[in-house]
Amino acid sequence: MTLPVISPVEARKMVAGGARLIDIRSPDEFARARIPGSENRPVDAMGRVGDAPAVVYHCRSGMRTAANAERLAAASECPAYLLEGGLDAWRAAGLPVAEDRKAPIEIMRQVQIAAGSLVVLGIALGLMVQPAFLGLSAFVGAGLVFAGTTGWCGMAKLLAALPWNRRAAA
């Protein structure tokens, strides 16, 4: 089932009329930037949503809400809509966004930075120092394949435990 898609201006009018604005991103993404007044209800932990005349779901770009439209529709006990273009479109429309630049960047971006750095390091060391260092790149690549197929990422778990991420997890 697809949900109707509405523009940021339409969404703002609906919220002013009592609709709930629900951000389906992860808590670490929500901590860094959010639409004022939105609720954080990650899609993987979504429960029933009702007690409002309508609900408007959003993510960062609109991709996650579109991909999960059927699940979001099933969770809605009232009319539900998707914010076209998500938080990015809301910001582009000149609407207010609450940002906390002191909050750590999202865990998955940290994983991408760390994994990419380790692959480049392994290749550089393998070419300039000792070919055995190429194993580092292979190990990181295998870890990413494992994370993609199982949904469990050891690097994300490790990064989440580091001191700069503890505030966002709380």
Protein backbone atom coordinates (compact mmCIF):
# COMPACT_ATOMS: atom_id res chain seq x y z
CA MET A 1 0.00 0.00 0.00
CA THR A 2 1.26 3.43 -0.83
CA LEU A 3 0.59 6.47 1.31
CA PRO A 4 -0.19 9.90 -0.17
CA VAL A 5 2.86 12.13 -0.50
CA ILE A 6 2.57 15.76 0.60
CA SER A 7 4.86 18.76 0.27
CA PRO A 8 6.63 20.36 3.24
CA VAL A 9 4.24 23.35 3.10
CA GLU A 10 1.20 21.02 3.16
CA ALA A 11 2.75 19.04 6.01
CA ARG A 12 3.35 22.20 8.03
CA LYS A 13 -0.32 23.20 7.59
CA MET A 14 -1.46 19.74 8.67
CA VAL A 15 0.78 19.82 11.76
CA ALA A 16 -0.58 23.27 12.64
CA GLY A 17 -4.03 21.66 12.43
CA GLY A 18 -3.13 18.91 14.91
CA ALA A 19 -1.48 16.22 12.81
CA ARG A 20 1.43 14.36 14.38
CA LEU A 21 4.81 14.61 12.65
CA ILE A 22 6.79 11.40 13.12
CA ASP A 23 10.47 11.06 12.25
CA ILE A 24 11.29 7.43 11.49
CA ARG A 25 15.09 7.87 11.54
CA SER A 26 17.37 6.44 14.22
CA PRO A 27 17.82 8.32 17.52
CA ASP A 28 21.38 9.39 16.61
CA GLU A 29 20.17 10.98 13.37
CA PHE A 30 17.26 12.65 15.19
CA ALA A 31 19.62 14.04 17.86
CA ARG A 32 21.69 15.82 15.21
CA ALA A 33 18.88 17.43 13.16
CA ARG A 34 15.10 17.35 13.42
CA ILE A 35 11.95 19.24 12.58
CA PRO A 36 10.82 21.09 15.73
CA GLY A 37 7.83 19.34 17.27
CA SER A 38 8.45 16.04 15.52
CA GLU A 39 8.47 12.77 17.45
CA ASN A 40 11.23 10.23 17.00
CA ARG A 41 9.80 6.75 16.40
CA PRO A 42 12.35 4.67 14.50
CA VAL A 43 10.77 2.52 11.83
CA ASP A 44 12.28 -0.68 13.28
CA ALA A 45 10.49 -0.02 16.59
CA MET A 46 7.29 1.49 15.21
CA GLY A 47 4.16 0.80 17.22
CA ARG A 48 0.55 1.82 16.67
CA VAL A 49 -0.04 5.51 15.92
CA GLY A 50 -3.51 6.93 16.42
CA ASP A 51 -4.56 9.72 18.76
CA ALA A 52 -4.40 12.49 16.13
CA PRO A 53 -6.48 13.63 13.18
CA ALA A 54 -3.61 12.55 10.89
CA VAL A 55 0.05 11.54 10.94
CA VAL A 56 2.85 12.69 8.65
CA TYR A 57 5.89 10.42 8.49
CA HIS A 58 9.31 11.61 7.41
CA CYS A 59 12.97 10.60 7.22
CA ARG A 60 15.98 12.49 5.87
CA SER A 61 15.32 12.26 2.13
CA GLY A 62 12.00 10.45 1.76
CA MET A 63 13.59 7.16 0.68
CA ARG A 64 13.07 5.28 3.97
CA THR A 65 9.47 6.42 4.33
CA ALA A 66 8.71 5.38 0.75
CA ALA A 67 10.42 2.02 1.26
CA ASN A 68 8.46 1.42 4.47
CA ALA A 69 5.11 2.89 3.37
CA GLU A 70 3.23 -0.37 3.83
CA ARG A 71 4.57 -0.82 7.37
CA LEU A 72 3.81 2.83 8.24
CA ALA A 73 0.28 2.55 6.85
CA ALA A 74 -0.33 -0.55 8.96
CA ALA A 75 0.85 1.30 12.09
CA SER A 76 -1.52 4.23 11.46
CA GLU A 77 -4.99 4.22 12.96
CA CYS A 78 -5.69 7.59 11.32
CA PRO A 79 -5.03 9.08 7.88
CA ALA A 80 -1.29 8.91 7.14
CA TYR A 81 0.96 10.78 4.74
CA LEU A 82 4.60 10.81 3.68
CA LEU A 83 6.59 14.05 3.65
CA GLU A 84 7.93 14.39 0.11
CA GLY A 85 11.71 14.74 0.21
CA GLY A 86 11.84 14.37 4.01
CA LEU A 87 13.91 16.63 6.23
CA ASP A 88 16.03 17.73 3.26
CA ALA A 89 12.98 19.09 1.42
CA TRP A 90 11.66 20.69 4.63
CA ARG A 91 14.97 22.53 5.01
CA ALA A 92 15.05 23.47 1.29
CA ALA A 93 11.57 24.98 1.67
CA GLY A 94 13.01 27.35 4.28
CA LEU A 95 11.10 25.77 7.15
CA PRO A 96 12.71 25.57 10.60
CA VAL A 97 15.09 22.74 11.50
CA ALA A 98 16.53 22.23 14.99
CA GLU A 99 20.18 21.21 14.77
CA ASP A 100 22.69 20.14 17.38
CA ARG A 101 26.14 20.27 15.79
CA LYS A 102 27.63 18.96 19.05
CA ALA A 103 25.77 15.68 18.63
CA PRO A 104 27.95 12.99 17.03
CA ILE A 105 27.39 12.16 13.37
CA GLU A 106 25.20 9.14 12.70
CA ILE A 107 26.66 5.73 13.49
CA MET A 108 26.33 4.48 9.93
CA ARG A 109 28.26 7.48 8.61
CA GLN A 110 30.93 6.75 11.23
CA VAL A 111 31.06 3.14 10.00
CA GLN A 112 31.44 4.34 6.42
CA ILE A 113 34.28 6.70 7.40
CA ALA A 114 36.06 4.09 9.52
CA ALA A 115 35.64 1.24 7.02
CA GLY A 116 36.71 3.39 4.08
CA SER A 117 39.75 4.63 6.00
CA LEU A 118 40.78 1.10 6.97
CA VAL A 119 40.44 -0.14 3.37
CA VAL A 120 42.56 2.74 2.04
CA LEU A 121 45.11 2.22 4.84
CA GLY A 122 45.30 -1.52 4.13
CA ILE A 123 45.85 -0.94 0.42
CA ALA A 124 48.45 1.79 1.00
CA LEU A 125 50.37 -0.33 3.53
CA GLY A 126 50.05 -3.37 1.30
CA LEU A 127 51.56 -1.53 -1.65
CA MET A 128 54.25 0.39 0.21
CA VAL A 129 55.22 -1.77 3.22
CA GLN A 130 54.15 -5.40 3.08
CA PRO A 131 51.54 -7.16 0.90
CA ALA A 132 50.14 -8.89 3.99
CA PHE A 133 48.50 -5.57 4.94
CA LEU A 134 46.07 -6.14 2.06
CA GLY A 135 44.43 -8.60 4.47
CA LEU A 136 43.15 -5.60 6.46
CA SER A 137 41.16 -4.43 3.45
CA ALA A 138 39.85 -7.96 2.88
CA PHE A 139 38.85 -8.26 6.54
CA VAL A 140 36.94 -4.95 6.48
CA GLY A 141 35.25 -5.91 3.19
CA ALA A 142 34.19 -9.27 4.62
CA GLY A 143 32.84 -7.51 7.71
CA LEU A 144 30.75 -5.19 5.55
CA VAL A 145 29.36 -8.14 3.57
CA PHE A 146 28.52 -9.90 6.84
CA ALA A 147 26.82 -6.75 8.18
CA GLY A 148 24.81 -6.36 5.01
CA THR A 149 23.60 -9.95 4.96
CA THR A 150 22.88 -10.39 8.68
CA GLY A 151 21.93 -6.87 9.79
CA TRP A 152 24.53 -7.02 12.59
CA CYS A 153 27.53 -4.71 12.32
CA GLY A 154 30.37 -5.24 14.76
CA MET A 155 32.02 -1.97 13.76
CA ALA A 156 28.78 -0.05 14.52
CA LYS A 157 28.58 -1.74 17.91
CA LEU A 158 32.18 -0.81 18.65
CA LEU A 159 31.76 2.79 17.49
CA ALA A 160 28.53 3.19 19.50
CA ALA A 161 30.45 2.32 22.67
CA LEU A 162 33.04 5.08 22.15
CA PRO A 163 32.83 8.12 24.45
CA TRP A 164 31.65 10.65 21.86
CA ASN A 165 28.63 8.47 21.04
CA ARG A 166 27.41 7.83 24.55
CA ARG A 167 25.48 11.10 24.74
CA ALA A 168 23.38 10.29 21.65
CA ALA A 169 22.60 6.78 22.90
CA ALA A 170 21.30 8.03 26.23
